[in-house]
N, C-alpha and C. Protein backbone atom coordinates (compact mmCIF):
# COMPACT_ATOMS: atom_id res chain seq x y z
N MET A 1 0.85 -1.19 0.00
CA MET A 1 0.00 0.00 0.00
C MET A 1 0.88 1.24 0.00
N ALA A 2 0.63 2.18 -0.89
CA ALA A 2 1.44 3.38 -1.00
C ALA A 2 1.18 4.31 0.17
N ALA A 3 2.22 5.00 0.62
CA ALA A 3 2.09 5.94 1.72
C ALA A 3 1.30 7.16 1.26
N LEU A 4 0.43 7.66 2.13
CA LEU A 4 -0.34 8.86 1.83
C LEU A 4 0.53 10.08 2.04
N THR A 5 0.44 11.04 1.16
CA THR A 5 1.19 12.28 1.32
C THR A 5 0.22 13.42 1.55
N GLN A 6 0.69 14.43 2.25
CA GLN A 6 -0.12 15.62 2.51
C GLN A 6 -0.30 16.39 1.21
N PRO A 7 -1.50 16.90 0.94
CA PRO A 7 -1.67 17.72 -0.26
C PRO A 7 -0.87 19.01 -0.12
N LYS A 8 -0.34 19.49 -1.20
CA LYS A 8 0.46 20.72 -1.21
C LYS A 8 -0.35 21.85 -1.81
N LEU A 9 -0.30 23.00 -1.16
CA LEU A 9 -1.01 24.18 -1.66
C LEU A 9 -0.03 25.07 -2.41
N PRO A 10 -0.40 25.56 -3.58
CA PRO A 10 0.48 26.48 -4.28
C PRO A 10 0.50 27.83 -3.56
N SER A 11 1.59 28.57 -3.70
CA SER A 11 1.67 29.87 -3.04
C SER A 11 0.76 30.89 -3.72
N VAL A 12 0.48 30.70 -5.00
CA VAL A 12 -0.41 31.60 -5.74
C VAL A 12 -1.42 30.73 -6.48
N LEU A 13 -2.69 31.03 -6.26
CA LEU A 13 -3.74 30.27 -6.95
C LEU A 13 -4.02 30.90 -8.31
N PRO A 14 -4.30 30.09 -9.32
CA PRO A 14 -4.59 30.66 -10.64
C PRO A 14 -5.89 31.45 -10.63
N SER A 15 -5.91 32.53 -11.36
CA SER A 15 -7.12 33.36 -11.42
C SER A 15 -8.00 32.88 -12.56
N ARG A 16 -9.26 33.25 -12.47
CA ARG A 16 -10.20 32.96 -13.55
C ARG A 16 -11.31 34.01 -13.48
N PRO A 17 -11.98 34.25 -14.61
CA PRO A 17 -13.04 35.27 -14.63
C PRO A 17 -14.20 34.90 -13.68
N ALA A 18 -14.78 35.91 -13.08
CA ALA A 18 -15.94 35.70 -12.22
C ALA A 18 -17.16 35.39 -13.09
N VAL A 19 -18.04 34.56 -12.54
CA VAL A 19 -19.26 34.19 -13.26
C VAL A 19 -20.45 34.68 -12.43
N GLN A 20 -21.36 35.36 -13.08
CA GLN A 20 -22.53 35.88 -12.38
C GLN A 20 -23.46 34.75 -11.96
N ASP A 21 -23.97 34.83 -10.74
CA ASP A 21 -24.94 33.85 -10.24
C ASP A 21 -26.32 34.28 -10.73
N ALA A 22 -26.84 33.55 -11.69
CA ALA A 22 -28.15 33.89 -12.27
C ALA A 22 -29.26 33.00 -11.73
N SER A 23 -28.94 32.09 -10.80
CA SER A 23 -29.97 31.16 -10.34
C SER A 23 -30.44 31.39 -8.90
N THR A 24 -29.66 32.08 -8.07
CA THR A 24 -30.06 32.33 -6.69
C THR A 24 -31.10 33.43 -6.63
N THR A 25 -32.18 33.18 -5.89
CA THR A 25 -33.27 34.16 -5.77
C THR A 25 -33.05 35.03 -4.53
N PRO A 26 -33.66 36.21 -4.49
CA PRO A 26 -33.56 37.05 -3.30
C PRO A 26 -34.05 36.33 -2.03
N GLU A 27 -35.04 35.47 -2.14
CA GLU A 27 -35.56 34.72 -0.98
C GLU A 27 -34.49 33.76 -0.44
N GLN A 28 -33.77 33.13 -1.33
CA GLN A 28 -32.70 32.23 -0.90
C GLN A 28 -31.60 32.99 -0.17
N ILE A 29 -31.27 34.15 -0.65
CA ILE A 29 -30.23 34.96 0.00
C ILE A 29 -30.66 35.34 1.42
N LYS A 30 -31.92 35.67 1.60
CA LYS A 30 -32.42 36.05 2.92
C LYS A 30 -32.40 34.89 3.91
N THR A 31 -32.51 33.64 3.44
CA THR A 31 -32.58 32.50 4.34
C THR A 31 -31.23 31.82 4.57
N GLU A 32 -30.21 32.23 3.84
CA GLU A 32 -28.90 31.60 4.00
C GLU A 32 -28.33 31.92 5.38
N VAL A 33 -27.59 30.97 5.94
CA VAL A 33 -26.94 31.16 7.23
C VAL A 33 -25.47 31.46 6.97
N ALA A 34 -25.06 32.63 7.40
CA ALA A 34 -23.66 33.03 7.23
C ALA A 34 -23.30 34.01 8.32
N LYS A 35 -22.04 34.17 8.54
CA LYS A 35 -21.58 35.09 9.56
C LYS A 35 -20.31 35.77 9.08
N ILE A 36 -20.26 37.06 9.22
CA ILE A 36 -19.04 37.80 8.93
C ILE A 36 -18.20 37.74 10.19
N THR A 37 -16.96 37.46 10.03
CA THR A 37 -16.09 37.29 11.19
C THR A 37 -14.83 38.13 11.03
N ASP A 38 -14.03 38.15 12.07
CA ASP A 38 -12.76 38.85 12.02
C ASP A 38 -11.68 37.95 12.63
N PRO A 39 -10.42 38.33 12.53
CA PRO A 39 -9.36 37.47 13.03
C PRO A 39 -9.48 37.11 14.51
N GLY A 40 -10.04 37.97 15.31
CA GLY A 40 -10.22 37.67 16.73
C GLY A 40 -11.22 36.56 16.98
N GLN A 41 -12.18 36.41 16.09
CA GLN A 41 -13.20 35.38 16.24
C GLN A 41 -12.86 34.08 15.51
N THR A 42 -11.96 34.14 14.55
CA THR A 42 -11.65 32.97 13.74
C THR A 42 -10.13 32.82 13.64
N PRO A 43 -9.51 32.29 14.69
CA PRO A 43 -8.06 32.13 14.63
C PRO A 43 -7.66 31.03 13.64
N ILE A 44 -6.65 31.32 12.87
CA ILE A 44 -6.10 30.35 11.93
C ILE A 44 -4.58 30.45 11.99
N PHE A 45 -3.95 29.33 12.23
CA PHE A 45 -2.50 29.24 12.23
C PHE A 45 -2.12 28.15 11.24
N ILE A 46 -1.28 28.46 10.28
CA ILE A 46 -0.88 27.52 9.24
C ILE A 46 0.59 27.18 9.44
N CYS A 47 0.86 25.89 9.48
CA CYS A 47 2.24 25.43 9.59
C CYS A 47 2.89 25.52 8.22
N ALA A 48 3.79 26.47 8.05
CA ALA A 48 4.50 26.62 6.79
C ALA A 48 5.88 25.97 6.87
N PHE A 49 6.15 25.27 7.95
CA PHE A 49 7.42 24.58 8.13
C PHE A 49 7.52 23.43 7.13
N ASP A 50 8.58 23.41 6.36
CA ASP A 50 8.82 22.35 5.39
C ASP A 50 7.61 22.16 4.46
N LYS A 51 6.92 23.27 4.10
CA LYS A 51 5.76 23.26 3.20
C LYS A 51 4.64 22.34 3.68
N CYS A 52 4.42 22.28 4.98
CA CYS A 52 3.41 21.40 5.57
C CYS A 52 1.98 21.88 5.25
N ASN A 53 1.69 23.16 5.50
CA ASN A 53 0.41 23.81 5.19
C ASN A 53 -0.80 23.26 5.96
N ARG A 54 -0.59 22.68 7.13
CA ARG A 54 -1.73 22.22 7.94
C ARG A 54 -2.28 23.39 8.75
N LEU A 55 -3.61 23.40 8.95
CA LEU A 55 -4.30 24.47 9.67
C LEU A 55 -4.53 24.09 11.12
N PHE A 56 -4.43 25.08 12.03
CA PHE A 56 -4.65 24.87 13.46
C PHE A 56 -5.40 26.06 14.05
N PRO A 57 -6.21 25.81 15.10
CA PRO A 57 -7.00 26.88 15.70
C PRO A 57 -6.24 27.72 16.72
N SER A 58 -5.03 27.32 17.10
CA SER A 58 -4.25 28.10 18.06
C SER A 58 -2.76 27.83 17.86
N ARG A 59 -1.94 28.75 18.36
CA ARG A 59 -0.49 28.56 18.29
C ARG A 59 -0.08 27.35 19.11
N ASP A 60 -0.74 27.12 20.24
CA ASP A 60 -0.42 25.95 21.08
C ASP A 60 -0.61 24.65 20.31
N ARG A 61 -1.73 24.52 19.61
CA ARG A 61 -1.98 23.31 18.82
C ARG A 61 -0.97 23.17 17.69
N LEU A 62 -0.62 24.29 17.07
CA LEU A 62 0.39 24.27 16.02
C LEU A 62 1.72 23.77 16.58
N MET A 63 2.12 24.26 17.75
CA MET A 63 3.39 23.86 18.32
C MET A 63 3.38 22.39 18.76
N MET A 64 2.24 21.87 19.21
CA MET A 64 2.16 20.44 19.52
C MET A 64 2.37 19.62 18.24
N HIS A 65 1.76 20.06 17.15
CA HIS A 65 1.93 19.41 15.85
C HIS A 65 3.40 19.43 15.44
N ARG A 66 4.04 20.58 15.58
CA ARG A 66 5.45 20.70 15.19
C ARG A 66 6.33 19.73 15.96
N LYS A 67 6.09 19.67 17.27
CA LYS A 67 6.89 18.80 18.11
C LYS A 67 6.69 17.33 17.72
N ARG A 68 5.43 16.94 17.50
CA ARG A 68 5.10 15.54 17.18
C ARG A 68 5.47 15.17 15.75
N ASP A 69 5.06 15.98 14.77
CA ASP A 69 5.21 15.59 13.37
C ASP A 69 6.52 16.05 12.71
N HIS A 70 7.08 17.15 13.20
CA HIS A 70 8.32 17.66 12.60
C HIS A 70 9.52 17.50 13.53
N GLU A 71 9.28 17.00 14.73
CA GLU A 71 10.34 16.85 15.73
C GLU A 71 11.11 18.15 15.89
N SER A 72 10.37 19.26 15.99
CA SER A 72 10.96 20.58 16.10
C SER A 72 10.09 21.46 17.00
N GLU A 73 10.72 22.38 17.71
CA GLU A 73 9.98 23.36 18.49
C GLU A 73 10.25 24.77 17.96
N GLU A 74 10.68 24.82 16.70
CA GLU A 74 10.97 26.09 16.06
C GLU A 74 9.70 26.95 15.96
N GLN A 75 9.81 28.23 16.28
CA GLN A 75 8.66 29.14 16.30
C GLN A 75 8.38 29.78 14.94
N GLY A 76 9.33 29.71 14.00
CA GLY A 76 9.18 30.39 12.71
C GLY A 76 8.31 29.62 11.74
N ASP A 77 8.18 30.17 10.54
CA ASP A 77 7.41 29.58 9.45
C ASP A 77 5.96 29.32 9.83
N VAL A 78 5.30 30.35 10.38
CA VAL A 78 3.88 30.28 10.74
C VAL A 78 3.16 31.38 9.97
N ILE A 79 2.05 31.00 9.35
CA ILE A 79 1.22 31.99 8.66
C ILE A 79 -0.04 32.16 9.51
N THR A 80 -0.34 33.41 9.87
CA THR A 80 -1.53 33.68 10.67
C THR A 80 -1.97 35.13 10.47
N TRP A 81 -3.20 35.40 10.76
CA TRP A 81 -3.69 36.78 10.75
C TRP A 81 -4.00 37.21 12.17
N ASN A 82 -3.67 36.40 13.15
CA ASN A 82 -4.04 36.66 14.53
C ASN A 82 -2.96 37.38 15.34
N GLU A 83 -1.82 37.61 14.78
CA GLU A 83 -0.75 38.27 15.54
C GLU A 83 -0.21 39.45 14.79
């Protein structure tokens, strides 16, 4: 059985033209459940160490991952909007 590898995210995503939504009705928009949030309400920490790109809800969880999966306690290579 082949070993599973982590998916890799490109640093830049390809662009494409926007397409107008012609099927959603005003009634559907009124009933949709959504919430606008900010960095204080939605923490995201991404492990950029060795191109890992895994997401974590806190720096503590990220550092536990680093210690376990990368055998490192290095603080660098973190992408976040919370700090």
